[in-house]
Amino acid sequence: MNRKFAIYSIVALLAGSTITIFSLTDSAKAEDHAQVQSPRPANTMPMERGMEMRVEVDKPFIEMMIPHHQSANKMAQMALNRATSPEVKKLAQSIIEEQTREIEQMQTWYKQWYGTEVPSNGMNMGMQNGMAQSMMQMEMMDREMMETLENAQNFDREFLRQMTRHHQMATMMAGMVVNSAQHREIRNLAQNIIKSQSAEITQMQQLLQAMTTSSQNTSI
């Protein structure tokens, strides 16, 4: 399990370091900090002779966050069918409701802003190479997490572990655009993802600790 956590952490870092547009945004922020005397608007990059290039993060954020939400919903639906803990079932239902609503919001915004439906296959998005690679890595990890849950002997505890990691990546992705997205709707969504999923991470960690303690006491 520690090995899987390490792999997941590496994938999370790759998602931040290999997506060119996100990396550009981070560089822009660092440059702004170093030159506080001449601040630039969010989402811009310094160019030669003072020219600036606007960095688009809203579109790829939606393209990556929707499938990430969809995989969370699949995991949560599995919990509704297999979990024995009422608290885990309640949490799973809440995840489905909230992330389904957010998916629908993002789909609507994408159609309004870019004039097309959100691509369903990352390989058909015309992504830059780094982003496509990160998308594939995320999909591979999602499949591995689903397989882990399907084969879990103690489903409730494994669900809490895997969903915690899943949420951690979502909050990381949201944190990368919360102050740099062009659209206020995306900034607000990112704030909500960070707030709500951070709270759920705390809740899941507490549930997992309670289950572990209960199991230890029973075995004594």
C-alpha atoms as a PDB file:
ATOM      1  CA  MET A   1       0.000   0.000   0.000  1.00  0.00           C
ATOM      2  CA  ASN A   2       2.910   2.359   0.710  1.00  0.00           C
ATOM      3  CA  ARG A   3       4.227   1.662  -2.781  1.00  0.00           C
ATOM      4  CA  LYS A   4       0.884   2.591  -4.314  1.00  0.00           C
ATOM      5  CA  PHE A   5       0.783   5.787  -2.281  1.00  0.00           C
ATOM      6  CA  ALA A   6       4.244   6.702  -3.532  1.00  0.00           C
ATOM      7  CA  ILE A   7       3.199   6.045  -7.125  1.00  0.00           C
ATOM      8  CA  TYR A   8       0.103   8.179  -6.664  1.00  0.00           C
ATOM      9  CA  SER A   9       2.168  11.000  -5.220  1.00  0.00           C
ATOM     10  CA  ILE A  10       4.526  10.853  -8.204  1.00  0.00           C
ATOM     11  CA  VAL A  11       1.600  10.986 -10.610  1.00  0.00           C
ATOM     12  CA  ALA A  12       0.234  14.011  -8.750  1.00  0.00           C
ATOM     13  CA  LEU A  13       3.578  15.761  -9.135  1.00  0.00           C
ATOM     14  CA  LEU A  14       3.717  14.860 -12.804  1.00  0.00           C
ATOM     15  CA  ALA A  15       0.263  16.301 -13.292  1.00  0.00           C
ATOM     16  CA  GLY A  16       1.615  19.590 -11.992  1.00  0.00           C
ATOM     17  CA  SER A  17       5.048  19.528 -13.600  1.00  0.00           C
ATOM     18  CA  THR A  18       4.387  18.129 -17.069  1.00  0.00           C
ATOM     19  CA  ILE A  19       1.250  20.051 -17.999  1.00  0.00           C
ATOM     20  CA  THR A  20       2.851  22.930 -19.828  1.00  0.00           C
ATOM     21  CA  ILE A  21       0.151  25.498 -19.232  1.00  0.00           C
ATOM     22  CA  PHE A  22       0.009  24.822 -15.518  1.00  0.00           C
ATOM     23  CA  SER A  23       3.792  25.035 -15.272  1.00  0.00           C
ATOM     24  CA  LEU A  24       3.745  28.331 -17.112  1.00  0.00           C
ATOM     25  CA  THR A  25       1.237  29.688 -14.628  1.00  0.00           C
ATOM     26  CA  ASP A  26       3.457  28.697 -11.703  1.00  0.00           C
ATOM     27  CA  SER A  27       6.430  30.383 -13.394  1.00  0.00           C
ATOM     28  CA  ALA A  28       4.413  33.523 -13.918  1.00  0.00           C
ATOM     29  CA  LYS A  29       3.500  33.641 -10.241  1.00  0.00           C
ATOM     30  CA  ALA A  30       7.143  33.243  -9.225  1.00  0.00           C
ATOM     31  CA  GLU A  31       8.170  36.017 -11.602  1.00  0.00           C
ATOM     32  CA  ASP A  32       5.463  38.286 -10.199  1.00  0.00           C
ATOM     33  CA  HIS A  33       6.725  37.687  -6.688  1.00  0.00           C
ATOM     34  CA  ALA A  34      10.261  38.594  -7.697  1.00  0.00           C
ATOM     35  CA  GLN A  35       9.151  41.830  -9.354  1.00  0.00           C
ATOM     36  CA  VAL A  36       6.619  43.280  -6.940  1.00  0.00           C
ATOM     37  CA  GLN A  37       7.324  46.803  -8.213  1.00  0.00           C
ATOM     38  CA  SER A  38       5.626  46.006 -11.552  1.00  0.00           C
ATOM     39  CA  PRO A  39       2.884  43.455 -10.891  1.00  0.00           C
ATOM     40  CA  ARG A  40       1.196  41.773 -13.860  1.00  0.00           C
ATOM     41  CA  PRO A  41      -2.358  40.428 -14.163  1.00  0.00           C
ATOM     42  CA  ALA A  42      -2.930  36.753 -13.356  1.00  0.00           C
ATOM     43  CA  ASN A  43      -2.515  34.281 -16.215  1.00  0.00           C
ATOM     44  CA  THR A  44       0.302  36.144 -17.972  1.00  0.00           C
ATOM     45  CA  MET A  45       3.869  35.218 -18.809  1.00  0.00           C
ATOM     46  CA  PRO A  46       6.782  37.594 -19.361  1.00  0.00           C
ATOM     47  CA  MET A  47       7.950  37.780 -22.980  1.00  0.00           C
ATOM     48  CA  GLU A  48      10.883  39.481 -24.650  1.00  0.00           C
ATOM     49  CA  ARG A  49      10.895  43.296 -24.619  1.00  0.00           C
ATOM     50  CA  GLY A  50       8.128  43.442 -22.001  1.00  0.00           C
ATOM     51  CA  MET A  51       5.525  41.625 -24.084  1.00  0.00           C
ATOM     52  CA  GLU A  52       3.178  39.284 -22.212  1.00  0.00           C
ATOM     53  CA  MET A  53       1.403  36.070 -23.169  1.00  0.00           C
ATOM     54  CA  ARG A  54      -1.866  35.073 -21.530  1.00  0.00           C
ATOM     55  CA  VAL A  55      -1.878  31.515 -20.216  1.00  0.00           C
ATOM     56  CA  GLU A  56      -5.106  29.547 -20.603  1.00  0.00           C
ATOM     57  CA  VAL A  57      -5.761  27.208 -17.664  1.00  0.00           C
ATOM     58  CA  ASP A  58      -9.566  27.076 -17.616  1.00  0.00           C
ATOM     59  CA  LYS A  59     -10.011  24.776 -20.628  1.00  0.00           C
ATOM     60  CA  PRO A  60      -7.484  22.070 -19.655  1.00  0.00           C
ATOM     61  CA  PHE A  61      -8.629  22.244 -16.039  1.00  0.00           C
ATOM     62  CA  ILE A  62     -12.147  21.284 -17.113  1.00  0.00           C
ATOM     63  CA  GLU A  63     -10.850  18.620 -19.499  1.00  0.00           C
ATOM     64  CA  MET A  64      -8.923  16.953 -16.689  1.00  0.00           C
ATOM     65  CA  MET A  65     -11.229  17.579 -13.723  1.00  0.00           C
ATOM     66  CA  ILE A  66     -14.350  16.099 -15.326  1.00  0.00           C
ATOM     67  CA  PRO A  67     -12.890  12.591 -15.819  1.00  0.00           C
ATOM     68  CA  HIS A  68     -11.318  12.840 -12.370  1.00  0.00           C
ATOM     69  CA  HIS A  69     -14.757  13.566 -10.893  1.00  0.00           C
ATOM     70  CA  GLN A  70     -16.277  10.758 -12.940  1.00  0.00           C
ATOM     71  CA  SER A  71     -13.812   8.233 -11.542  1.00  0.00           C
ATOM     72  CA  ALA A  72     -14.644   9.421  -8.009  1.00  0.00           C
ATOM     73  CA  ASN A  73     -18.319   8.845  -8.745  1.00  0.00           C
ATOM     74  CA  LYS A  74     -17.594   5.289  -9.888  1.00  0.00           C
ATOM     75  CA  MET A  75     -15.727   4.597  -6.670  1.00  0.00           C
ATOM     76  CA  ALA A  76     -18.530   6.140  -4.620  1.00  0.00           C
ATOM     77  CA  GLN A  77     -21.165   4.093  -6.462  1.00  0.00           C
ATOM     78  CA  MET A  78     -19.205   0.973  -5.614  1.00  0.00           C
ATOM     79  CA  ALA A  79     -19.286   2.061  -1.972  1.00  0.00           C
ATOM     80  CA  LEU A  80     -23.077   2.400  -2.068  1.00  0.00           C
ATOM     81  CA  ASN A  81     -23.251  -1.220  -3.203  1.00  0.00           C
ATOM     82  CA  ARG A  82     -20.538  -2.773  -1.038  1.00  0.00           C
ATOM     83  CA  ALA A  83     -19.823  -0.659   2.045  1.00  0.00           C
ATOM     84  CA  THR A  84     -21.183  -1.838   5.393  1.00  0.00           C
ATOM     85  CA  SER A  85     -20.599   1.374   7.340  1.00  0.00           C
ATOM     86  CA  PRO A  86     -23.545   3.811   7.277  1.00  0.00           C
ATOM     87  CA  GLU A  87     -21.076   6.687   7.503  1.00  0.00           C
ATOM     88  CA  VAL A  88     -19.205   5.484   4.422  1.00  0.00           C
ATOM     89  CA  LYS A  89     -22.439   5.060   2.474  1.00  0.00           C
ATOM     90  CA  LYS A  90     -23.567   8.552   3.454  1.00  0.00           C
ATOM     91  CA  LEU A  91     -20.222   9.992   2.413  1.00  0.00           C
ATOM     92  CA  ALA A  92     -20.357   8.155  -0.911  1.00  0.00           C
ATOM     93  CA  GLN A  93     -23.817   9.537  -1.651  1.00  0.00           C
ATOM     94  CA  SER A  94     -22.634  13.054  -0.842  1.00  0.00           C
ATOM     95  CA  ILE A  95     -19.641  12.669  -3.159  1.00  0.00           C
ATOM     96  CA  ILE A  96     -21.860  11.519  -6.025  1.00  0.00           C
ATOM     97  CA  GLU A  97     -24.303  14.389  -5.600  1.00  0.00           C
ATOM     98  CA  GLU A  98     -21.677  17.103  -5.305  1.00  0.00           C
ATOM     99  CA  GLN A  99     -19.371  15.907  -8.059  1.00  0.00           C
ATOM    100  CA  THR A 100     -22.236  15.185 -10.463  1.00  0.00           C
ATOM    101  CA  ARG A 101     -23.394  18.774  -9.964  1.00  0.00           C
ATOM    102  CA  GLU A 102     -19.890  20.086 -10.586  1.00  0.00           C
ATOM    103  CA  ILE A 103     -19.501  17.952 -13.708  1.00  0.00           C
ATOM    104  CA  GLU A 104     -22.719  19.393 -15.126  1.00  0.00           C
ATOM    105  CA  GLN A 105     -21.535  22.922 -14.325  1.00  0.00           C
ATOM    106  CA  MET A 106     -18.222  22.389 -16.084  1.00  0.00           C
ATOM    107  CA  GLN A 107     -19.885  20.836 -19.120  1.00  0.00           C
ATOM    108  CA  THR A 108     -22.208  23.828 -19.428  1.00  0.00           C
ATOM    109  CA  TRP A 109     -19.390  26.355 -19.085  1.00  0.00           C
ATOM    110  CA  TYR A 110     -17.223  24.504 -21.584  1.00  0.00           C
ATOM    111  CA  LYS A 111     -19.969  24.594 -24.221  1.00  0.00           C
ATOM    112  CA  GLN A 112     -20.616  28.296 -23.580  1.00  0.00           C
ATOM    113  CA  TRP A 113     -16.976  29.350 -23.629  1.00  0.00           C
ATOM    114  CA  TYR A 114     -15.454  27.054 -26.261  1.00  0.00           C
ATOM    115  CA  GLY A 115     -18.448  26.220 -28.456  1.00  0.00           C
ATOM    116  CA  THR A 116     -18.194  22.447 -28.218  1.00  0.00           C
ATOM    117  CA  GLU A 117     -18.825  19.541 -25.888  1.00  0.00           C
ATOM    118  CA  VAL A 118     -16.059  18.449 -23.531  1.00  0.00           C
ATOM    119  CA  PRO A 119     -14.002  15.758 -25.322  1.00  0.00           C
ATOM    120  CA  SER A 120     -14.652  12.364 -23.768  1.00  0.00           C
ATOM    121  CA  ASN A 121     -11.274  10.906 -24.712  1.00  0.00           C
ATOM    122  CA  GLY A 122      -8.103  12.665 -23.646  1.00  0.00           C
ATOM    123  CA  MET A 123      -6.216  11.277 -26.636  1.00  0.00           C
ATOM    124  CA  ASN A 124      -8.566  13.151 -28.982  1.00  0.00           C
ATOM    125  CA  MET A 125      -8.175  16.548 -27.327  1.00  0.00           C
ATOM    126  CA  GLY A 126      -5.199  17.732 -29.327  1.00  0.00           C
ATOM    127  CA  MET A 127      -3.396  18.201 -26.046  1.00  0.00           C
ATOM    128  CA  GLN A 128       0.193  19.191 -25.711  1.00  0.00           C
ATOM    129  CA  ASN A 129       2.346  16.130 -25.140  1.00  0.00           C
ATOM    130  CA  GLY A 130       2.897  16.733 -21.433  1.00  0.00           C
ATOM    131  CA  MET A 131      -0.796  17.154 -20.723  1.00  0.00           C
ATOM    132  CA  ALA A 132      -1.739  14.047 -22.714  1.00  0.00           C
ATOM    133  CA  GLN A 133       0.862  12.064 -20.801  1.00  0.00           C
ATOM    134  CA  SER A 134      -0.481  13.287 -17.474  1.00  0.00           C
ATOM    135  CA  MET A 135      -4.024  12.435 -18.554  1.00  0.00           C
ATOM    136  CA  MET A 136      -2.976   8.882 -19.389  1.00  0.00           C
ATOM    137  CA  GLN A 137      -1.220   8.537 -16.039  1.00  0.00           C
ATOM    138  CA  MET A 138      -4.313   9.732 -14.200  1.00  0.00           C
ATOM    139  CA  GLU A 139      -6.486   7.243 -16.072  1.00  0.00           C
ATOM    140  CA  MET A 140      -4.083   4.413 -15.278  1.00  0.00           C
ATOM    141  CA  MET A 141      -4.107   5.314 -11.601  1.00  0.00           C
ATOM    142  CA  ASP A 142      -7.901   5.523 -11.550  1.00  0.00           C
ATOM    143  CA  ARG A 143      -8.115   2.018 -13.020  1.00  0.00           C
ATOM    144  CA  GLU A 144      -5.645   0.725 -10.450  1.00  0.00           C
ATOM    145  CA  MET A 145      -7.681   2.268  -7.632  1.00  0.00           C
ATOM    146  CA  MET A 146     -10.869   0.673  -8.954  1.00  0.00           C
ATOM    147  CA  GLU A 147      -9.161  -2.718  -9.162  1.00  0.00           C
ATOM    148  CA  THR A 148      -7.865  -2.312  -5.617  1.00  0.00           C
ATOM    149  CA  LEU A 149     -11.384  -1.609  -4.379  1.00  0.00           C
ATOM    150  CA  GLU A 150     -12.858  -4.518  -6.310  1.00  0.00           C
ATOM    151  CA  ASN A 151     -10.416  -6.904  -4.642  1.00  0.00           C
ATOM    152  CA  ALA A 152     -10.428  -5.325  -1.172  1.00  0.00           C
ATOM    153  CA  GLN A 153     -11.067  -7.689   1.737  1.00  0.00           C
ATOM    154  CA  ASN A 154     -12.112  -4.794   3.955  1.00  0.00           C
ATOM    155  CA  PHE A 155     -13.917  -2.563   1.485  1.00  0.00           C
ATOM    156  CA  ASP A 156     -14.836   0.274   3.837  1.00  0.00           C
ATOM    157  CA  ARG A 157     -11.291   0.943   4.980  1.00  0.00           C
ATOM    158  CA  GLU A 158      -9.850   0.583   1.493  1.00  0.00           C
ATOM    159  CA  PHE A 159     -12.456   2.970   0.105  1.00  0.00           C
ATOM    160  CA  LEU A 160     -11.471   5.604   2.665  1.00  0.00           C
ATOM    161  CA  ARG A 161      -7.786   5.185   1.805  1.00  0.00           C
ATOM    162  CA  GLN A 162      -8.253   5.378  -1.954  1.00  0.00           C
ATOM    163  CA  MET A 163     -10.783   8.206  -1.908  1.00  0.00           C
ATOM    164  CA  THR A 164      -8.525  10.242   0.373  1.00  0.00           C
ATOM    165  CA  ARG A 165      -5.758  10.001  -2.225  1.00  0.00           C
ATOM    166  CA  HIS A 166      -8.199  10.792  -4.992  1.00  0.00           C
ATOM    167  CA  HIS A 167      -9.379  13.920  -3.166  1.00  0.00           C
ATOM    168  CA  GLN A 168      -5.800  14.998  -2.470  1.00  0.00           C
ATOM    169  CA  MET A 169      -5.088  15.106  -6.180  1.00  0.00           C
ATOM    170  CA  ALA A 170      -8.283  17.037  -6.889  1.00  0.00           C
ATOM    171  CA  THR A 171      -7.418  19.696  -4.306  1.00  0.00           C
ATOM    172  CA  MET A 172      -3.913  19.935  -5.763  1.00  0.00           C
ATOM    173  CA  MET A 173      -5.316  20.510  -9.250  1.00  0.00           C
ATOM    174  CA  ALA A 174      -7.802  23.079  -7.938  1.00  0.00           C
ATOM    175  CA  GLY A 175      -5.062  24.892  -6.066  1.00  0.00           C
ATOM    176  CA  MET A 176      -3.178  25.395  -9.317  1.00  0.00           C
ATOM    177  CA  VAL A 177      -5.993  27.444 -10.875  1.00  0.00           C
ATOM    178  CA  VAL A 178      -7.782  28.999  -7.896  1.00  0.00           C
ATOM    179  CA  ASN A 179      -6.020  32.336  -8.388  1.00  0.00           C
ATOM    180  CA  SER A 180      -5.110  32.141 -12.072  1.00  0.00           C
ATOM    181  CA  ALA A 181      -8.233  31.007 -13.951  1.00  0.00           C
ATOM    182  CA  GLN A 182      -9.634  33.559 -16.364  1.00  0.00           C
ATOM    183  CA  HIS A 183     -13.268  32.851 -15.498  1.00  0.00           C
ATOM    184  CA  ARG A 184     -14.654  33.712 -12.082  1.00  0.00           C
ATOM    185  CA  GLU A 185     -16.764  30.546 -12.233  1.00  0.00           C
ATOM    186  CA  ILE A 186     -13.645  28.367 -12.377  1.00  0.00           C
ATOM    187  CA  ARG A 187     -11.991  30.253  -9.542  1.00  0.00           C
ATOM    188  CA  ASN A 188     -15.097  29.810  -7.399  1.00  0.00           C
ATOM    189  CA  LEU A 189     -15.350  26.129  -8.318  1.00  0.00           C
ATOM    190  CA  ALA A 190     -11.701  25.577  -7.431  1.00  0.00           C
ATOM    191  CA  GLN A 191     -12.255  27.227  -4.053  1.00  0.00           C
ATOM    192  CA  ASN A 192     -15.258  24.992  -3.426  1.00  0.00           C
ATOM    193  CA  ILE A 193     -13.346  21.848  -4.406  1.00  0.00           C
ATOM    194  CA  ILE A 194     -10.522  22.727  -2.037  1.00  0.00           C
ATOM    195  CA  LYS A 195     -12.899  23.523   0.825  1.00  0.00           C
ATOM    196  CA  SER A 196     -15.331  20.643   0.450  1.00  0.00           C
ATOM    197  CA  GLN A 197     -12.856  17.911  -0.422  1.00  0.00           C
ATOM    198  CA  SER A 198     -10.395  18.986   2.268  1.00  0.00           C
ATOM    199  CA  ALA A 199     -13.245  18.644   4.780  1.00  0.00           C
ATOM    200  CA  GLU A 200     -14.056  15.198   3.391  1.00  0.00           C
ATOM    201  CA  ILE A 201     -10.404  14.181   3.626  1.00  0.00           C
ATOM    202  CA  THR A 202     -10.464  15.060   7.328  1.00  0.00           C
ATOM    203  CA  GLN A 203     -13.713  13.138   7.762  1.00  0.00           C
ATOM    204  CA  MET A 204     -12.324  10.069   5.987  1.00  0.00           C
ATOM    205  CA  GLN A 205      -9.134  10.116   8.020  1.00  0.00           C
ATOM    206  CA  GLN A 206     -11.191  10.240  11.212  1.00  0.00           C
ATOM    207  CA  LEU A 207     -13.418   7.365  10.066  1.00  0.00           C
ATOM    208  CA  LEU A 208     -10.402   5.312   9.087  1.00  0.00           C
ATOM    209  CA  GLN A 209      -8.736   5.934  12.449  1.00  0.00           C
ATOM    210  CA  ALA A 210     -11.912   4.934  14.280  1.00  0.00           C
ATOM    211  CA  MET A 211     -12.169   1.722  12.240  1.00  0.00           C
ATOM    212  CA  THR A 212      -8.525   0.887  12.876  1.00  0.00           C
ATOM    213  CA  THR A 213      -8.867   1.497  16.607  1.00  0.00           C
ATOM    214  CA  SER A 214     -12.050  -0.584  16.774  1.00  0.00           C
ATOM    215  CA  SER A 215     -10.354  -3.438  14.915  1.00  0.00           C
ATOM    216  CA  GLN A 216      -7.377  -3.362  17.261  1.00  0.00           C
ATOM    217  CA  ASN A 217      -9.593  -3.415  20.337  1.00  0.00           C
ATOM    218  CA  THR A 218     -11.587  -6.339  18.969  1.00  0.00           C
ATOM    219  CA  SER A 219      -8.456  -8.367  18.332  1.00  0.00           C
ATOM    220  CA  ILE A 220      -7.217  -7.940  21.923  1.00  0.00           C
END
